Each structure stands twice: as structure tokens, then as C-alpha cells.
């Protein structure tokens, strides 16, 4: 068990429209930064909204979250969940990613109405643990794992 290991789940909104190249750039930058900090996680994007989980050392995760909140590409931040973790849920992912707007996502075997959530704080206000469950749906997705391995 890693000491001071936490999991932080938050949502944010894109301050301006993100194109596919913008998302790729964000993902490349995130993977590089997270890898150097020992932070793992998953990022979902839909309709201009982000849902992200960050896992790692408490101080490093908090510092990264503060840095992300200063990024002018994001606004409307809401932390949904933070807790001590016994182990990482995404140990091999410097940053997993899925664009839920992508047309092929509806054909994914794991697609459910659950994925129609708009990824806003209001969507998760009655049960913030739903956000973590949604992120975990993609952990075992073989297609997503193959994409992530290819991108490394």
C-alpha cells in the first residue's frame, strides 16, 4: 500500500470548444505530467464537460488539481469525491481517456444509458459515487486499453 494514496474525482467545463487535436494535445500533456508525478487516472469528455479521477500521493494530487483549476481551458470546477485509497484503480494508466461524444462509443459493448450523463456536477450531486463508477466502466474496456497502450 502506498502511503498517503488518495483518489480525487472532479468535473469541469471547457472554457472554449475542444477540437479533436485539442483533446489529443491535452491528453499528451496530461500523460507526460502525470507520469512524472506518479499520478494515474482516467479522463472522460462529453459535450464540453470533463470528468476526471486523479490517483496518487495526496500532496501531488492536490497540487496538480490546483494547477488544473488555474488552466484557462477549464472552468466550473466541482470536486465530487476525495478519499484515501488502499490501492490504485488505474495503476497502469498515466491518463486513460475516452471521448463520449465519439460516434463509435455507442457501439461499444460497454455502452449503457449511464453514459448519456452530461458530466456536470448537477448530474452527480445526488450520488457522487456514480462518477467513480462511471470512470471504472472504462477500466476493463479492452478496446480502450488497446488505444491507451498504443498512445503510450
Protein backbone atom coordinates (compact mmCIF):
# COMPACT_ATOMS: atom_id res chain seq x y z
CA UNK A 1 0.00 0.00 0.00
CA UNK A 2 1.33 3.41 -0.96
CA UNK A 3 1.40 5.93 1.86
CA UNK A 4 -0.89 8.95 1.52
CA UNK A 5 -2.58 7.49 -1.59
CA UNK A 6 -5.79 9.28 -2.48
CA UNK A 7 -8.33 9.32 -5.25
CA UNK A 8 -9.84 12.67 -6.29
CA UNK A 9 -12.79 12.84 -8.69
CA UNK A 10 -13.89 16.15 -10.17
CA UNK A 11 -15.81 17.67 -13.05
CA UNK A 12 -15.02 20.78 -15.04
CA UNK A 13 -16.28 22.52 -18.15
CA UNK A 14 -14.28 23.53 -21.21
CA UNK A 15 -13.98 27.32 -21.37
CA UNK A 16 -13.96 27.05 -25.17
CA UNK A 17 -14.77 24.28 -27.62
CA UNK A 18 -12.20 21.46 -27.73
CA UNK A 19 -11.41 20.04 -31.15
CA UNK A 20 -10.04 16.51 -31.56
CA UNK A 21 -6.48 17.91 -31.88
CA UNK A 22 -7.05 19.99 -28.71
CA UNK A 23 -8.10 16.84 -26.85
CA UNK A 24 -5.08 14.92 -28.15
CA UNK A 25 -2.76 17.74 -27.04
CA UNK A 26 -4.39 17.80 -23.60
CA UNK A 27 -4.03 14.03 -23.31
CA UNK A 28 -0.36 14.04 -24.35
CA UNK A 29 0.41 16.82 -21.88
CA UNK A 30 -1.55 15.08 -19.10
CA UNK A 31 0.19 11.75 -19.62
CA UNK A 32 3.61 13.39 -19.56
CA UNK A 33 2.88 15.46 -16.45
CA UNK A 34 1.08 12.68 -14.59
CA UNK A 35 3.76 10.13 -15.37
CA UNK A 36 6.49 12.35 -13.94
CA UNK A 37 4.40 12.92 -10.78
CA UNK A 38 3.41 9.29 -10.27
CA UNK A 39 -0.24 10.17 -10.80
CA UNK A 40 -2.64 7.80 -12.54
CA UNK A 41 -6.25 8.21 -13.56
CA UNK A 42 -8.95 8.46 -16.17
CA UNK A 43 -10.44 11.39 -18.08
CA UNK A 44 -13.86 11.35 -19.75
CA UNK A 45 -15.04 14.12 -22.07
CA UNK A 46 -18.56 14.80 -23.30
CA UNK A 47 -20.36 17.89 -24.59
CA UNK A 48 -17.65 20.22 -23.32
CA UNK A 49 -17.54 18.63 -19.87
CA UNK A 50 -14.72 16.70 -18.25
CA UNK A 51 -14.94 14.02 -15.57
CA UNK A 52 -11.58 13.04 -14.17
CA UNK A 53 -10.13 10.90 -11.43
CA UNK A 54 -6.59 11.54 -10.22
CA UNK A 55 -4.80 8.95 -8.07
CA UNK A 56 -1.54 9.38 -6.24
CA UNK A 57 0.22 10.98 -3.33
CA UNK A 58 -2.12 13.37 -1.51
CA UNK A 59 0.15 16.42 -1.86
CA UNK A 60 0.95 15.77 -5.53
CA UNK A 61 -2.72 15.20 -6.41
CA UNK A 62 -3.79 18.37 -4.60
CA UNK A 63 -1.02 20.38 -6.27
CA UNK A 64 -2.00 19.06 -9.70
CA UNK A 65 -5.69 19.77 -9.08
CA UNK A 66 -4.84 23.36 -8.10
CA UNK A 67 -2.76 23.69 -11.28
CA UNK A 68 -5.63 22.33 -13.40
CA UNK A 69 -8.04 24.81 -11.78
CA UNK A 70 -5.74 27.64 -12.94
CA UNK A 71 -5.74 26.33 -16.52
CA UNK A 72 -7.79 28.84 -18.56
CA UNK A 73 -9.11 25.99 -20.74
CA UNK A 74 -11.32 24.82 -17.82
CA UNK A 75 -13.93 26.39 -15.57
CA UNK A 76 -16.92 25.39 -13.42
CA UNK A 77 -14.90 23.01 -11.25
CA UNK A 78 -16.59 20.79 -8.71
CA UNK A 79 -14.80 18.18 -6.62
CA UNK A 80 -17.17 15.23 -6.33
CA UNK A 81 -15.21 12.78 -4.25
CA UNK A 82 -11.92 12.53 -2.41
CA UNK A 83 -10.84 9.60 -0.34
CA UNK A 84 -7.93 7.59 0.93
CA UNK A 85 -7.28 4.60 -1.32
CA UNK A 86 -5.78 1.26 -0.38
CA UNK A 87 -4.64 0.79 -3.96
CA UNK A 88 -4.96 2.50 -7.33
CA UNK A 89 -7.95 1.76 -9.53
CA UNK A 90 -5.96 2.78 -12.64
CA UNK A 91 -2.40 1.65 -11.79
CA UNK A 92 -1.23 1.30 -15.40
CA UNK A 93 -2.79 4.48 -16.75
CA UNK A 94 -0.84 7.74 -16.59
CA UNK A 95 -4.12 9.05 -18.01
CA UNK A 96 -6.81 6.92 -19.60
CA UNK A 97 -9.12 8.86 -21.89
CA UNK A 98 -12.44 8.45 -23.64
CA UNK A 99 -14.37 10.99 -25.69
CA UNK A 100 -18.00 10.09 -25.02
CA UNK A 101 -19.06 12.22 -27.99
CA UNK A 102 -17.23 9.93 -30.43
CA UNK A 103 -19.74 8.18 -32.71
CA UNK A 104 -18.16 4.78 -32.15
CA UNK A 105 -18.80 4.91 -28.39
CA UNK A 106 -22.48 3.97 -28.85
CA UNK A 107 -21.33 0.72 -30.49
CA UNK A 108 -19.01 -0.14 -27.62
CA UNK A 109 -20.15 -3.30 -25.81
CA UNK A 110 -19.96 -1.41 -22.51
CA UNK A 111 -22.25 1.42 -23.65
CA UNK A 112 -25.27 1.97 -21.44
CA UNK A 113 -27.71 4.80 -20.82
CA UNK A 114 -25.47 5.59 -17.86
CA UNK A 115 -23.04 7.04 -20.42
CA UNK A 116 -25.63 9.58 -21.57
CA UNK A 117 -24.86 11.57 -18.41
CA UNK A 118 -23.71 15.07 -19.34
CA UNK A 119 -20.77 15.02 -16.86
CA UNK A 120 -21.82 18.07 -14.86
CA UNK A 121 -21.77 18.47 -11.08
CA UNK A 122 -25.58 18.51 -11.11
CA UNK A 123 -25.63 15.05 -12.69
CA UNK A 124 -23.69 13.61 -9.77
CA UNK A 125 -24.96 15.78 -6.89
CA UNK A 126 -27.39 13.19 -5.53
CA UNK A 127 -24.78 10.40 -5.60
CA UNK A 128 -21.16 11.48 -6.19
CA UNK A 129 -20.02 7.84 -6.13
CA UNK A 130 -21.72 7.45 -9.54
CA UNK A 131 -18.86 9.50 -11.02
CA UNK A 132 -16.27 6.98 -9.85
CA UNK A 133 -18.43 4.08 -11.08
CA UNK A 134 -18.64 5.72 -14.49
CA UNK A 135 -14.87 6.11 -14.69
CA UNK A 136 -14.37 2.49 -13.64
CA UNK A 137 -16.60 1.30 -16.50
CA UNK A 138 -13.74 2.11 -18.85
CA UNK A 139 -11.01 0.46 -16.80
CA UNK A 140 -11.89 -3.00 -18.08
CA UNK A 141 -12.83 -1.92 -21.60
CA UNK A 142 -10.49 -3.93 -23.86
CA UNK A 143 -10.83 -1.51 -26.80
CA UNK A 144 -9.93 1.45 -24.60
CA UNK A 145 -7.00 -0.45 -23.08
CA UNK A 146 -5.67 -1.16 -26.57
CA UNK A 147 -6.00 2.54 -27.52
CA UNK A 148 -4.20 3.59 -24.32
CA UNK A 149 -1.35 1.15 -24.89
CA UNK A 150 -0.97 2.38 -28.47
CA UNK A 151 -0.82 6.02 -27.31
CA UNK A 152 1.98 5.39 -24.77
